Amino acid sequence: MSQSERPEGPTPRMPRAEVRRRLLDAAARVFAERGYDDSRLEDIAHAAGFTKGAVYSNFGSKQALFGALLTERADAELATVLDGIRGADDPADGLAGAADHVARRITGDTERGRLGLEVAARAVRDDATRAVVTPMRRAQRAAVTRAIADVAERDGIRLAAPPDVAALVVHCLTNGLSMEHLADPEEVDAEAVHAALTAVIAALARPAPAEEPVDPPTG
């Protein structure tokens, strides 16, 4: 081997965060193409350029990998919705924008809805899946609860129910609308989903009335 052909040193080890990122990206593609049950860890690892051991060392199981993927997407969606609400000059405009974003996601990302429905059904009869899905759902509702409480306090919004109850209503509504759109996309289209979200949000959150001006004292 000539001097120019000799390796300069050991190949740098890929950072763990990059390994996880590549595995999650590959998992999103494989799950979307094959569904949860027919997706194999070997295929996900191969698509990411790793062995199956990389999946186990970073996530522990297929259920945990899927849970991490759904959690990441839910966190990103919540962050986008909150940025829109906080960036709006009028609280009502911010809430309308949130309904529009969620409606477009429900009707535009049907693969996510199908995967969520598939895994939710599996969790009913599989303890290992339920052990991942249950804490994930609780964490999502808790995050929405905190977000609702923060927005209500900041924008002076009166809630028709406590933040945790409002979060449960919104969480169940979005999941239910996703399921209905999958079953009947022609009837439950983006317009219908948007209307349902807007109606419920309007019922749950109303801007506090402005204080009536006090007349200056006379005399």
Protein backbone atom coordinates (compact mmCIF):
# COMPACT_ATOMS: atom_id res chain seq x y z
CA MET A 1 0.00 0.00 0.00
CA SER A 2 1.42 3.37 -0.99
CA GLN A 3 1.61 6.28 1.41
CA SER A 4 -1.30 7.98 -0.36
CA GLU A 5 -3.48 4.86 -0.01
CA ARG A 6 -2.97 4.45 3.74
CA PRO A 7 -5.83 5.57 5.95
CA GLU A 8 -5.11 8.69 7.91
CA GLY A 9 -6.77 7.34 11.06
CA PRO A 10 -9.86 5.60 12.41
CA THR A 11 -13.20 6.56 10.92
CA PRO A 12 -14.86 9.13 13.19
CA ARG A 13 -17.77 7.71 15.14
CA MET A 14 -21.12 9.17 14.16
CA PRO A 15 -22.69 11.24 16.96
CA ARG A 16 -25.54 9.45 18.72
CA ALA A 17 -27.95 12.27 17.92
CA GLU A 18 -27.24 11.83 14.19
CA VAL A 19 -27.76 8.06 14.43
CA ARG A 20 -31.16 8.63 16.08
CA ARG A 21 -32.07 11.23 13.48
CA ARG A 22 -31.29 8.89 10.59
CA LEU A 23 -33.14 6.00 12.21
CA LEU A 24 -36.23 8.15 12.80
CA ASP A 25 -36.18 9.43 9.22
CA ALA A 26 -35.86 5.88 7.89
CA ALA A 27 -38.60 4.63 10.23
CA ALA A 28 -40.97 7.34 8.97
CA ARG A 29 -40.45 6.16 5.38
CA VAL A 30 -40.71 2.43 6.10
CA PHE A 31 -43.73 2.70 8.40
CA ALA A 32 -45.51 4.89 5.83
CA GLU A 33 -44.80 2.43 3.00
CA ARG A 34 -45.55 -0.85 4.81
CA GLY A 35 -47.64 -0.05 7.88
CA TYR A 36 -46.62 -0.81 11.43
CA ASP A 37 -47.12 -4.59 11.50
CA ASP A 38 -45.27 -5.26 8.23
CA SER A 39 -42.31 -3.01 8.99
CA ARG A 40 -39.21 -4.87 10.18
CA LEU A 41 -36.42 -3.39 12.24
CA GLU A 42 -33.90 -4.91 9.83
CA ASP A 43 -35.41 -2.92 6.97
CA ILE A 44 -35.51 0.31 8.97
CA ALA A 45 -31.89 -0.11 10.06
CA HIS A 46 -30.78 -0.93 6.50
CA ALA A 47 -32.60 2.11 5.11
CA ALA A 48 -30.73 4.28 7.63
CA GLY A 49 -27.37 2.64 6.85
CA PHE A 50 -27.00 0.73 10.11
CA THR A 51 -27.47 -2.73 11.58
CA LYS A 52 -30.47 -3.75 13.65
CA GLY A 53 -28.34 -3.37 16.76
CA ALA A 54 -28.37 0.40 16.25
CA VAL A 55 -32.15 0.40 16.61
CA TYR A 56 -32.03 -1.58 19.86
CA SER A 57 -29.22 0.52 21.34
CA ASN A 58 -31.02 3.79 20.60
CA PHE A 59 -34.69 2.87 21.11
CA GLY A 60 -34.88 -0.59 22.65
CA SER A 61 -37.79 -1.93 20.62
CA LYS A 62 -39.98 -1.43 17.58
CA GLN A 63 -42.74 -0.06 19.81
CA ALA A 64 -40.40 2.49 21.39
CA LEU A 65 -39.06 3.54 17.98
CA PHE A 66 -42.58 4.14 16.72
CA GLY A 67 -43.49 5.99 19.92
CA ALA A 68 -40.46 8.25 19.52
CA LEU A 69 -41.47 9.00 15.93
CA LEU A 70 -45.05 9.93 16.86
CA THR A 71 -43.85 11.99 19.82
CA GLU A 72 -41.45 13.96 17.64
CA ARG A 73 -44.18 14.73 15.12
CA ALA A 74 -46.67 15.71 17.82
CA ASP A 75 -44.12 17.99 19.50
CA ALA A 76 -43.28 19.66 16.19
CA GLU A 77 -46.95 20.22 15.40
CA LEU A 78 -47.67 21.70 18.82
CA ALA A 79 -44.67 24.02 18.50
CA THR A 80 -45.88 25.22 15.08
CA VAL A 81 -49.41 25.82 16.38
CA LEU A 82 -48.14 27.74 19.41
CA ASP A 83 -45.80 29.87 17.30
CA GLY A 84 -48.77 30.82 15.14
CA ILE A 85 -50.95 31.69 18.11
CA ARG A 86 -48.25 33.69 19.85
CA GLY A 87 -47.34 35.53 16.67
CA ALA A 88 -50.90 36.68 15.99
CA ASP A 89 -51.90 40.21 16.93
CA ASP A 90 -55.47 39.09 17.71
CA PRO A 91 -56.04 35.94 19.85
CA ALA A 92 -59.02 35.03 17.67
CA ASP A 93 -56.83 35.09 14.57
CA GLY A 94 -54.28 32.91 16.30
CA LEU A 95 -56.88 30.30 17.24
CA ALA A 96 -58.31 30.34 13.71
CA GLY A 97 -54.83 29.78 12.33
CA ALA A 98 -54.34 26.85 14.70
CA ALA A 99 -57.57 25.24 13.47
CA ASP A 100 -56.47 25.72 9.87
CA HIS A 101 -53.04 24.15 10.49
CA VAL A 102 -54.46 21.10 12.26
CA ALA A 103 -57.16 20.62 9.62
CA ARG A 104 -54.58 20.65 6.84
CA ARG A 105 -52.40 18.19 8.73
CA ILE A 106 -55.29 15.77 9.37
CA THR A 107 -56.40 15.75 5.73
CA GLY A 108 -52.96 16.05 4.19
CA ASP A 109 -50.96 13.53 6.25
CA THR A 110 -53.22 10.50 6.10
CA GLU A 111 -50.29 8.08 6.54
CA ARG A 112 -49.78 9.45 10.04
CA GLY A 113 -53.48 8.97 10.78
CA ARG A 114 -53.43 5.38 9.55
CA LEU A 115 -50.34 4.52 11.57
CA GLY A 116 -51.78 6.11 14.70
CA LEU A 117 -55.01 4.18 14.31
CA GLU A 118 -53.17 0.93 13.66
CA VAL A 119 -50.98 1.24 16.74
CA ALA A 120 -53.85 2.41 18.96
CA ALA A 121 -55.81 -0.71 18.00
CA ARG A 122 -52.76 -2.87 18.66
CA ALA A 123 -52.27 -1.29 22.09
CA VAL A 124 -55.69 -2.57 23.16
CA ARG A 125 -54.52 -6.18 22.94
CA ASP A 126 -50.72 -5.95 23.26
CA ASP A 127 -49.12 -5.04 26.59
CA ALA A 128 -45.76 -4.05 25.08
CA THR A 129 -47.41 -1.61 22.69
CA ARG A 130 -49.69 -0.22 25.40
CA ALA A 131 -46.67 0.35 27.66
CA VAL A 132 -45.33 2.76 25.04
CA VAL A 133 -48.58 4.30 23.78
CA THR A 134 -50.13 5.13 27.17
CA PRO A 135 -47.31 7.31 28.56
CA MET A 136 -46.87 8.90 25.14
CA ARG A 137 -50.54 9.95 25.04
CA ARG A 138 -50.36 11.22 28.61
CA ALA A 139 -47.30 13.30 27.81
CA GLN A 140 -49.02 14.76 24.75
CA ARG A 141 -52.11 15.73 26.74
CA ALA A 142 -49.93 17.24 29.47
CA ALA A 143 -48.06 19.34 26.90
CA VAL A 144 -51.33 20.58 25.39
CA THR A 145 -52.65 21.33 28.89
CA ARG A 146 -49.64 23.53 29.65
CA ALA A 147 -49.92 25.24 26.28
CA ILE A 148 -53.62 26.00 26.73
CA ALA A 149 -53.04 27.38 30.24
CA ASP A 150 -50.15 29.57 29.06
CA VAL A 151 -52.01 30.97 26.05
CA ALA A 152 -55.16 31.61 28.09
CA GLU A 153 -53.23 33.52 30.72
CA ARG A 154 -51.19 35.52 28.22
CA ASP A 155 -54.06 36.49 25.93
CA GLY A 156 -56.77 36.91 28.57
CA ILE A 157 -58.85 34.01 27.23
CA ARG A 158 -61.67 32.63 29.36
CA LEU A 159 -61.81 28.84 29.20
CA ALA A 160 -65.11 27.00 29.40
CA ALA A 161 -63.34 24.11 31.15
CA PRO A 162 -60.12 23.60 33.12
CA PRO A 163 -57.00 23.40 30.91
CA ASP A 164 -56.63 19.64 31.37
CA VAL A 165 -60.25 19.03 30.36
CA ALA A 166 -59.91 21.36 27.37
CA ALA A 167 -56.74 19.51 26.36
CA LEU A 168 -58.52 16.16 26.55
CA VAL A 169 -61.37 17.48 24.40
CA VAL A 170 -58.97 18.82 21.74
CA HIS A 171 -56.84 15.67 21.82
CA CYS A 172 -59.84 13.38 21.37
CA LEU A 173 -61.37 15.65 18.73
CA THR A 174 -58.26 15.66 16.52
CA ASN A 175 -57.88 11.89 16.81
CA GLY A 176 -61.56 11.35 16.06
CA LEU A 177 -61.53 13.70 13.07
CA SER A 178 -58.48 11.91 11.71
CA MET A 179 -60.31 8.58 11.97
CA GLU A 180 -63.46 9.96 10.34
CA HIS A 181 -61.47 11.48 7.49
CA LEU A 182 -59.81 8.12 6.83
CA ALA A 183 -63.20 6.39 6.77
CA ASP A 184 -65.01 9.04 4.71
CA PRO A 185 -62.62 11.53 3.09
CA GLU A 186 -65.28 12.93 0.74
CA GLU A 187 -67.71 13.92 3.49
CA VAL A 188 -65.19 14.68 6.23
CA ASP A 189 -62.92 16.84 4.09
CA ALA A 190 -60.64 19.71 5.06
CA GLU A 191 -63.54 22.16 5.20
CA ALA A 192 -65.59 19.92 7.50
CA VAL A 193 -62.61 19.26 9.74
CA HIS A 194 -61.83 22.96 9.95
CA ALA A 195 -65.46 23.77 10.80
CA ALA A 196 -65.53 21.17 13.61
CA LEU A 197 -62.26 22.40 15.08
CA THR A 198 -63.33 26.03 14.89
CA ALA A 199 -66.67 25.32 16.58
CA VAL A 200 -65.09 23.46 19.48
CA ILE A 201 -62.29 25.98 19.96
CA ALA A 202 -64.83 28.80 19.96
CA ALA A 203 -66.85 26.98 22.61
CA LEU A 204 -63.81 26.32 24.78
CA ALA A 205 -61.97 29.63 24.49
CA ARG A 206 -63.46 33.09 24.43
CA PRO A 207 -61.54 36.33 24.82
CA ALA A 208 -62.28 38.02 28.12
CA PRO A 209 -64.53 41.06 27.71
CA ALA A 210 -62.84 44.41 27.78
CA GLU A 211 -63.42 46.42 30.89
CA GLU A 212 -66.03 49.10 30.45
CA PRO A 213 -64.55 52.59 30.60
CA VAL A 214 -65.19 54.39 33.83
CA ASP A 215 -66.68 57.86 33.46
CA PRO A 216 -64.58 60.54 35.07
CA PRO A 217 -66.09 62.05 38.18
CA THR A 218 -68.12 65.23 37.65
CA GLY A 219 -68.18 68.38 39.71
